[in-house]
Amino acid sequence: MTALVQPRHIKLGLAGSEQNWPYAAYELDQLRETFADLAEILPKYHDLSIPEMIRSTVKEPLEALGRAIQAKDSSQFTVAYGHLTASCNVCHQSYDRAVIVIQAPTVSSFPDQDFRPPAK
């Protein structure tokens, strides 16, 4: 998850905070694809069904993010992104990974990328 999901989560948050809606839509799509790839590559982890975990924890927050991005609504985006982040943490706590606590990014860990919308 750290190598695949976390960078997408960060970039999505940064794009949304800059109201770069086209790029946020792109990262949301990439995050969805990453979850789908994980479900296919690793369908089961110990007693955990990865596809079921994805459906039960992040499906609704990802849909809410899609609606917020479509509406270009930064308040709605912030709420939906917070819900996604909280869902990630609930999953970590449920599966003996409580030491992994995800939060909204406060700085970019991608110094070579500008997350602001392109100038028109």
Protein backbone atom coordinates (compact mmCIF):
# COMPACT_ATOMS: atom_id res chain seq x y z
CA MET A 1 0.00 0.00 0.00
CA THR A 2 2.80 2.40 0.87
CA ALA A 3 4.46 2.11 -2.52
CA LEU A 4 1.29 2.09 -4.61
CA VAL A 5 -1.62 3.74 -2.83
CA GLN A 6 0.04 6.36 -0.65
CA PRO A 7 1.60 8.42 -3.49
CA ARG A 8 -1.78 8.55 -5.26
CA HIS A 9 -3.50 9.59 -2.03
CA ILE A 10 -0.95 12.38 -1.54
CA LYS A 11 -1.16 13.65 -5.12
CA LEU A 12 -4.96 13.57 -5.05
CA GLY A 13 -4.98 15.63 -1.86
CA LEU A 14 -2.51 18.16 -3.23
CA ALA A 15 -4.40 18.52 -6.52
CA GLY A 16 -7.68 19.03 -4.67
CA SER A 17 -6.21 21.58 -2.29
CA GLU A 18 -5.01 23.57 -5.31
CA GLN A 19 -8.41 23.13 -7.01
CA ASN A 20 -6.69 21.55 -9.99
CA TRP A 21 -9.81 19.57 -10.91
CA PRO A 22 -8.55 17.95 -14.13
CA TYR A 23 -5.48 16.64 -12.35
CA ALA A 24 -7.49 15.59 -9.28
CA ALA A 25 -9.77 13.60 -11.61
CA TYR A 26 -6.71 11.96 -13.13
CA GLU A 27 -5.27 11.01 -9.72
CA LEU A 28 -8.64 9.73 -8.54
CA ASP A 29 -8.77 7.47 -11.60
CA GLN A 30 -5.20 6.33 -10.91
CA LEU A 31 -6.08 5.59 -7.28
CA ARG A 32 -9.10 3.54 -8.35
CA GLU A 33 -6.92 1.61 -10.82
CA THR A 34 -4.32 1.02 -8.12
CA PHE A 35 -6.93 -0.46 -5.78
CA ALA A 36 -8.23 -2.65 -8.63
CA ASP A 37 -4.70 -3.83 -9.40
CA LEU A 38 -4.09 -4.64 -5.73
CA ALA A 39 -7.31 -6.63 -5.54
CA GLU A 40 -6.20 -8.65 -8.56
CA ILE A 41 -2.56 -9.13 -7.56
CA LEU A 42 -3.22 -9.83 -3.88
CA PRO A 43 -6.81 -11.07 -3.56
CA LYS A 44 -6.23 -12.34 -0.03
CA TYR A 45 -3.92 -11.18 2.76
CA HIS A 46 -3.99 -13.58 5.71
CA ASP A 47 -7.75 -13.83 6.38
CA LEU A 48 -8.55 -10.53 4.63
CA SER A 49 -10.26 -10.43 1.25
CA ILE A 50 -8.63 -7.42 -0.41
CA PRO A 51 -11.48 -6.87 -2.92
CA GLU A 52 -14.03 -6.93 -0.08
CA MET A 53 -11.91 -4.61 2.05
CA ILE A 54 -11.72 -2.14 -0.83
CA ARG A 55 -15.50 -2.29 -1.40
CA SER A 56 -16.31 -1.88 2.28
CA THR A 57 -13.84 0.89 3.11
CA VAL A 58 -12.97 3.09 0.15
CA LYS A 59 -15.63 2.59 -2.53
CA GLU A 60 -18.03 5.22 -1.15
CA PRO A 61 -15.33 7.82 -0.32
CA LEU A 62 -13.90 7.44 -3.84
CA GLU A 63 -17.37 7.99 -5.31
CA ALA A 64 -17.85 11.08 -3.11
CA LEU A 65 -14.50 12.42 -4.29
CA GLY A 66 -15.61 11.91 -7.88
CA ARG A 67 -18.76 13.93 -7.24
CA ALA A 68 -16.78 16.71 -5.54
CA ILE A 69 -14.30 16.89 -8.40
CA GLN A 70 -17.10 16.88 -10.98
CA ALA A 71 -18.78 19.74 -9.09
CA LYS A 72 -15.45 21.54 -8.62
CA ASP A 73 -16.44 21.99 -4.99
CA SER A 74 -13.44 22.37 -2.69
CA SER A 75 -15.51 22.11 0.50
CA GLN A 76 -17.12 18.89 -0.68
CA PHE A 77 -13.68 17.64 -1.77
CA THR A 78 -12.17 18.33 1.65
CA VAL A 79 -14.94 16.38 3.39
CA ALA A 80 -14.73 13.45 0.97
CA TYR A 81 -10.92 13.38 1.15
CA GLY A 82 -11.13 13.36 4.95
CA HIS A 83 -13.58 10.47 4.75
CA LEU A 84 -11.22 8.53 2.45
CA THR A 85 -8.30 9.17 4.79
CA ALA A 86 -10.33 8.07 7.82
CA SER A 87 -11.40 4.92 5.98
CA CYS A 88 -7.77 4.05 5.30
CA ASN A 89 -6.98 4.43 8.99
CA VAL A 90 -9.97 2.31 10.06
CA CYS A 91 -8.72 -0.45 7.80
CA HIS A 92 -5.20 -0.18 9.24
CA GLN A 93 -6.56 -0.37 12.78
CA SER A 94 -8.74 -3.36 11.92
CA TYR A 95 -5.88 -5.40 10.52
CA ASP A 96 -3.13 -4.92 13.08
CA ARG A 97 -1.58 -1.97 11.26
CA ALA A 98 -2.66 0.79 13.65
CA VAL A 99 0.88 2.16 13.60
CA ILE A 100 0.19 3.30 10.02
CA VAL A 101 -1.74 6.56 10.35
CA ILE A 102 -2.55 8.43 7.16
CA GLN A 103 -3.31 12.14 7.07
CA ALA A 104 -3.94 14.82 4.50
CA PRO A 105 -0.63 16.10 3.14
CA THR A 106 0.57 19.38 4.57
CA VAL A 107 3.52 19.70 2.19
CA SER A 108 4.35 18.13 -1.13
CA SER A 109 6.67 15.16 -1.15
CA PHE A 110 6.95 15.73 -4.89
CA PRO A 111 9.10 18.87 -5.19
CA ASP A 112 9.45 18.44 -8.93
CA GLN A 113 5.70 18.67 -9.57
CA ASP A 114 3.46 21.73 -9.58
CA PHE A 115 -0.05 20.87 -8.41
CA ARG A 116 -1.59 24.22 -9.28
CA PRO A 117 -3.98 24.32 -12.25
CA PRO A 118 -2.27 25.30 -15.50
CA ALA A 119 -2.43 28.95 -16.49
CA LYS A 120 -5.07 29.63 -19.10
